[in-house]
Amino acid sequence: MTRLLGLLGALLVTLPASGNEELDALFDRDVLIIEASQHACYRIDIYVALTNAQRSRGLMFVRELPETAGMLFVYPGDYVVSMWMKNTFIPLDMVFARTDGTVTNVIRDTEPQSLTSLASTEPVAFVLELNAGTAERLIIDENSRLFWEPAHRDNE
C-alpha cells in the first residue's frame, strides 16, 4: 500500500480547469487512484462531496463529465447508502466502497432522472460516481479498491 500511496503522491499535480465553473465553485477537486481487479491502476480527477449539502447536490444538473473524471461522496461513518438520479442528466456508474477503499458493489449505467433508489449492499464510507460504462471498461468490481488520501475530512 505504501508503494501505491507513493504513486498517488507522484500523480498529484495541479489539476487543469474542468470546464464546469459551477462544480468548480461548489466542490474541492482532488485525485483518486482505482486499483482495478485486473491488476491495473487508473487515475481519476474527482470532485469531492464532503458535506451533507454537497452530497445532496452531487452531479445534479451536470450535462457532461470528462472521461477521466468523477465525484467522490465521502461519508462521516459507515452507512448503507442509497442514492437516486433525480435531476441528474447523464447516466452514471456508482462504485460503493468501505472505509479501507475496497469495493462492496457497483451499479452500472444508471437511468438519468430516475427516482429509483440505488443502494450499497452493506455499510460504506464512499461512493464514486463515474460516467456510465467506465466501470465495465476499466473492470472495476468487488475485487477493486479506491485509494484517496484526503487533506482533511470535515464532514457534517
C-alpha atoms as a PDB file:
ATOM      1  CA  MET A   1       0.000   0.000   0.000  1.00  0.00           C
ATOM      2  CA  THR A   2       2.900   2.367   0.734  1.00  0.00           C
ATOM      3  CA  ARG A   3       4.104   1.913  -2.835  1.00  0.00           C
ATOM      4  CA  LEU A   4       0.645   2.721  -4.211  1.00  0.00           C
ATOM      5  CA  LEU A   5       0.347   5.797  -1.989  1.00  0.00           C
ATOM      6  CA  GLY A   6       3.767   6.889  -3.269  1.00  0.00           C
ATOM      7  CA  LEU A   7       2.420   6.531  -6.794  1.00  0.00           C
ATOM      8  CA  LEU A   8      -0.602   8.576  -5.790  1.00  0.00           C
ATOM      9  CA  GLY A   9       1.695  11.298  -4.458  1.00  0.00           C
ATOM     10  CA  ALA A  10       3.633  11.314  -7.722  1.00  0.00           C
ATOM     11  CA  LEU A  11       0.415  11.738  -9.669  1.00  0.00           C
ATOM     12  CA  LEU A  12      -0.822  14.659  -7.603  1.00  0.00           C
ATOM     13  CA  VAL A  13      -0.242  17.586  -9.863  1.00  0.00           C
ATOM     14  CA  THR A  14      -2.157  20.790 -10.341  1.00  0.00           C
ATOM     15  CA  LEU A  15      -5.500  19.903 -11.852  1.00  0.00           C
ATOM     16  CA  PRO A  16      -6.407  21.780 -15.019  1.00  0.00           C
ATOM     17  CA  ALA A  17      -9.648  23.732 -15.233  1.00  0.00           C
ATOM     18  CA  SER A  18     -12.530  21.291 -15.610  1.00  0.00           C
ATOM     19  CA  GLY A  19     -14.684  23.457 -17.830  1.00  0.00           C
ATOM     20  CA  ASN A  20     -17.565  23.284 -15.356  1.00  0.00           C
ATOM     21  CA  GLU A  21     -17.417  26.515 -13.382  1.00  0.00           C
ATOM     22  CA  GLU A  22     -20.477  25.641 -11.261  1.00  0.00           C
ATOM     23  CA  LEU A  23     -18.978  22.375  -9.999  1.00  0.00           C
ATOM     24  CA  ASP A  24     -15.592  24.065  -9.535  1.00  0.00           C
ATOM     25  CA  ALA A  25     -17.263  26.674  -7.307  1.00  0.00           C
ATOM     26  CA  LEU A  26     -19.167  24.114  -5.204  1.00  0.00           C
ATOM     27  CA  PHE A  27     -16.653  21.291  -4.741  1.00  0.00           C
ATOM     28  CA  ASP A  28     -12.976  20.821  -3.980  1.00  0.00           C
ATOM     29  CA  ARG A  29     -11.093  18.784  -6.544  1.00  0.00           C
ATOM     30  CA  ASP A  30      -8.610  16.011  -5.939  1.00  0.00           C
ATOM     31  CA  VAL A  31      -7.184  12.828  -7.432  1.00  0.00           C
ATOM     32  CA  LEU A  32      -8.192   9.247  -6.669  1.00  0.00           C
ATOM     33  CA  ILE A  33      -6.492   6.043  -7.807  1.00  0.00           C
ATOM     34  CA  ILE A  34      -8.526   2.950  -8.645  1.00  0.00           C
ATOM     35  CA  GLU A  35      -6.788  -0.403  -8.386  1.00  0.00           C
ATOM     36  CA  ALA A  36      -8.935  -2.450 -10.750  1.00  0.00           C
ATOM     37  CA  SER A  37      -9.416  -6.178 -10.432  1.00  0.00           C
ATOM     38  CA  GLN A  38      -7.245  -6.824 -13.489  1.00  0.00           C
ATOM     39  CA  HIS A  39      -4.087  -5.510 -11.739  1.00  0.00           C
ATOM     40  CA  ALA A  40      -4.208  -2.085 -13.350  1.00  0.00           C
ATOM     41  CA  CYS A  41      -4.375   1.338 -11.711  1.00  0.00           C
ATOM     42  CA  TYR A  42      -6.258   4.329 -13.039  1.00  0.00           C
ATOM     43  CA  ARG A  43      -6.120   7.990 -12.079  1.00  0.00           C
ATOM     44  CA  ILE A  44      -9.484   9.746 -11.736  1.00  0.00           C
ATOM     45  CA  ASP A  45      -9.846  13.510 -11.270  1.00  0.00           C
ATOM     46  CA  ILE A  46     -12.606  13.878  -8.698  1.00  0.00           C
ATOM     47  CA  TYR A  47     -14.923  16.440  -7.247  1.00  0.00           C
ATOM     48  CA  VAL A  48     -15.168  15.753  -3.512  1.00  0.00           C
ATOM     49  CA  ALA A  49     -18.578  15.878  -1.813  1.00  0.00           C
ATOM     50  CA  LEU A  50     -17.810  16.119   1.919  1.00  0.00           C
ATOM     51  CA  THR A  51     -20.787  17.920   3.443  1.00  0.00           C
ATOM     52  CA  ASN A  52     -24.464  16.978   3.557  1.00  0.00           C
ATOM     53  CA  ALA A  53     -25.237  19.872   1.197  1.00  0.00           C
ATOM     54  CA  GLN A  54     -22.579  18.733  -1.279  1.00  0.00           C
ATOM     55  CA  ARG A  55     -23.708  15.106  -1.114  1.00  0.00           C
ATOM     56  CA  SER A  56     -27.303  16.203  -1.716  1.00  0.00           C
ATOM     57  CA  ARG A  57     -26.261  18.276  -4.759  1.00  0.00           C
ATOM     58  CA  GLY A  58     -23.901  15.738  -6.286  1.00  0.00           C
ATOM     59  CA  LEU A  59     -23.863  15.717 -10.080  1.00  0.00           C
ATOM     60  CA  MET A  60     -27.399  17.021 -10.468  1.00  0.00           C
ATOM     61  CA  PHE A  61     -27.880  19.302 -13.475  1.00  0.00           C
ATOM     62  CA  VAL A  62     -24.485  18.343 -14.955  1.00  0.00           C
ATOM     63  CA  ARG A  63     -24.737  17.744 -18.699  1.00  0.00           C
ATOM     64  CA  GLU A  64     -21.209  16.494 -19.349  1.00  0.00           C
ATOM     65  CA  LEU A  65     -18.402  14.901 -17.336  1.00  0.00           C
ATOM     66  CA  PRO A  66     -14.870  14.372 -18.710  1.00  0.00           C
ATOM     67  CA  GLU A  67     -13.986  10.724 -19.343  1.00  0.00           C
ATOM     68  CA  THR A  68     -11.375  10.566 -16.575  1.00  0.00           C
ATOM     69  CA  ALA A  69     -13.435  12.482 -14.009  1.00  0.00           C
ATOM     70  CA  GLY A  70     -15.930  11.598 -11.319  1.00  0.00           C
ATOM     71  CA  MET A  71     -17.383  12.613  -7.984  1.00  0.00           C
ATOM     72  CA  LEU A  72     -16.426  11.036  -4.666  1.00  0.00           C
ATOM     73  CA  PHE A  73     -19.100  11.158  -1.967  1.00  0.00           C
ATOM     74  CA  VAL A  74     -17.423  10.935   1.432  1.00  0.00           C
ATOM     75  CA  TYR A  75     -19.479   9.947   4.485  1.00  0.00           C
ATOM     76  CA  PRO A  76     -18.504  10.593   8.137  1.00  0.00           C
ATOM     77  CA  GLY A  77     -19.006   6.926   9.017  1.00  0.00           C
ATOM     78  CA  ASP A  78     -20.123   3.644   7.526  1.00  0.00           C
ATOM     79  CA  TYR A  79     -23.718   3.634   6.296  1.00  0.00           C
ATOM     80  CA  VAL A  80     -25.903   1.706   3.902  1.00  0.00           C
ATOM     81  CA  VAL A  81     -26.068   4.456   1.297  1.00  0.00           C
ATOM     82  CA  SER A  82     -28.996   4.931  -1.048  1.00  0.00           C
ATOM     83  CA  MET A  83     -28.958   7.364  -3.970  1.00  0.00           C
ATOM     84  CA  TRP A  84     -31.225   8.309  -6.844  1.00  0.00           C
ATOM     85  CA  MET A  85     -30.795  10.098 -10.153  1.00  0.00           C
ATOM     86  CA  LYS A  86     -33.345  12.909  -9.727  1.00  0.00           C
ATOM     87  CA  ASN A  87     -32.204  15.939 -11.764  1.00  0.00           C
ATOM     88  CA  THR A  88     -29.138  14.007 -12.960  1.00  0.00           C
ATOM     89  CA  PHE A  89     -28.981  14.244 -16.742  1.00  0.00           C
ATOM     90  CA  ILE A  90     -26.142  11.836 -17.538  1.00  0.00           C
ATOM     91  CA  PRO A  91     -26.044   8.066 -16.952  1.00  0.00           C
ATOM     92  CA  LEU A  92     -23.536   7.078 -14.292  1.00  0.00           C
ATOM     93  CA  ASP A  93     -21.779   4.111 -12.745  1.00  0.00           C
ATOM     94  CA  MET A  94     -21.821   4.073  -8.920  1.00  0.00           C
ATOM     95  CA  VAL A  95     -18.937   2.410  -7.084  1.00  0.00           C
ATOM     96  CA  PHE A  96     -19.636   1.799  -3.381  1.00  0.00           C
ATOM     97  CA  ALA A  97     -16.591   1.308  -1.122  1.00  0.00           C
ATOM     98  CA  ARG A  98     -15.771   0.575   2.508  1.00  0.00           C
ATOM     99  CA  THR A  99     -13.589   2.784   4.727  1.00  0.00           C
ATOM    100  CA  ASP A 100     -10.475   0.934   3.519  1.00  0.00           C
ATOM    101  CA  GLY A 101     -11.425   1.599  -0.120  1.00  0.00           C
ATOM    102  CA  THR A 102     -12.400  -1.966  -1.002  1.00  0.00           C
ATOM    103  CA  VAL A 103     -15.406  -2.055  -3.300  1.00  0.00           C
ATOM    104  CA  THR A 104     -18.619  -3.608  -1.982  1.00  0.00           C
ATOM    105  CA  ASN A 105     -20.697  -3.301  -5.132  1.00  0.00           C
ATOM    106  CA  VAL A 106     -21.016  -1.448  -8.422  1.00  0.00           C
ATOM    107  CA  ILE A 107     -24.237  -0.257 -10.026  1.00  0.00           C
ATOM    108  CA  ARG A 108     -23.705   0.247 -13.730  1.00  0.00           C
ATOM    109  CA  ASP A 109     -25.405   2.531 -16.257  1.00  0.00           C
ATOM    110  CA  THR A 110     -27.965   4.261 -14.056  1.00  0.00           C
ATOM    111  CA  GLU A 111     -31.050   5.783 -15.641  1.00  0.00           C
ATOM    112  CA  PRO A 112     -30.939   9.599 -15.759  1.00  0.00           C
ATOM    113  CA  GLN A 113     -33.646  11.406 -13.756  1.00  0.00           C
ATOM    114  CA  SER A 114     -34.922   8.168 -12.222  1.00  0.00           C
ATOM    115  CA  LEU A 115     -36.409   8.200  -8.711  1.00  0.00           C
ATOM    116  CA  THR A 116     -35.470   4.546  -8.189  1.00  0.00           C
ATOM    117  CA  SER A 117     -33.366   4.084  -5.064  1.00  0.00           C
ATOM    118  CA  LEU A 118     -29.912   2.598  -5.741  1.00  0.00           C
ATOM    119  CA  ALA A 119     -28.158   1.272  -2.642  1.00  0.00           C
ATOM    120  CA  SER A 120     -24.941  -0.200  -1.332  1.00  0.00           C
ATOM    121  CA  THR A 121     -25.117  -3.872  -0.362  1.00  0.00           C
ATOM    122  CA  GLU A 122     -23.511  -3.133   3.022  1.00  0.00           C
ATOM    123  CA  PRO A 123     -22.329  -0.104   5.031  1.00  0.00           C
ATOM    124  CA  VAL A 124     -19.878   2.067   3.069  1.00  0.00           C
ATOM    125  CA  ALA A 125     -17.882   5.262   3.584  1.00  0.00           C
ATOM    126  CA  PHE A 126     -17.526   6.250  -0.089  1.00  0.00           C
ATOM    127  CA  VAL A 127     -19.466   6.332  -3.323  1.00  0.00           C
ATOM    128  CA  LEU A 128     -17.630   7.132  -6.548  1.00  0.00           C
ATOM    129  CA  GLU A 129     -19.758   8.267  -9.479  1.00  0.00           C
ATOM    130  CA  LEU A 130     -18.262   7.869 -12.941  1.00  0.00           C
ATOM    131  CA  ASN A 131     -19.590   8.169 -16.477  1.00  0.00           C
ATOM    132  CA  ALA A 132     -21.673   5.133 -17.385  1.00  0.00           C
ATOM    133  CA  GLY A 133     -19.565   2.414 -18.959  1.00  0.00           C
ATOM    134  CA  THR A 134     -16.375   3.345 -17.087  1.00  0.00           C
ATOM    135  CA  ALA A 135     -16.679   0.545 -14.512  1.00  0.00           C
ATOM    136  CA  GLU A 136     -17.072  -2.064 -17.244  1.00  0.00           C
ATOM    137  CA  ARG A 137     -14.300  -0.591 -19.418  1.00  0.00           C
ATOM    138  CA  LEU A 138     -11.790  -0.426 -16.546  1.00  0.00           C
ATOM    139  CA  ILE A 139     -13.010  -3.691 -14.955  1.00  0.00           C
ATOM    140  CA  ILE A 140     -13.972  -2.062 -11.660  1.00  0.00           C
ATOM    141  CA  ASP A 141     -15.771  -4.606  -9.492  1.00  0.00           C
ATOM    142  CA  GLU A 142     -15.824  -6.143  -5.993  1.00  0.00           C
ATOM    143  CA  ASN A 143     -12.138  -7.062  -6.400  1.00  0.00           C
ATOM    144  CA  SER A 144     -11.161  -3.406  -6.876  1.00  0.00           C
ATOM    145  CA  ARG A 145     -10.030  -0.766  -4.421  1.00  0.00           C
ATOM    146  CA  LEU A 146     -10.152   3.030  -4.248  1.00  0.00           C
ATOM    147  CA  PHE A 147      -7.143   4.949  -2.924  1.00  0.00           C
ATOM    148  CA  TRP A 148      -7.707   8.512  -1.779  1.00  0.00           C
ATOM    149  CA  GLU A 149      -5.790  10.434   0.864  1.00  0.00           C
ATOM    150  CA  PRO A 150      -7.883  13.407   1.968  1.00  0.00           C
ATOM    151  CA  ALA A 151      -6.166  16.558   3.106  1.00  0.00           C
ATOM    152  CA  HIS A 152      -8.959  16.822   5.695  1.00  0.00           C
ATOM    153  CA  ARG A 153     -12.261  15.152   6.491  1.00  0.00           C
ATOM    154  CA  ASP A 154     -14.512  17.916   7.760  1.00  0.00           C
ATOM    155  CA  ASN A 155     -17.800  16.065   7.287  1.00  0.00           C
ATOM    156  CA  GLU A 156     -21.049  17.317   8.697  1.00  0.00           C
END
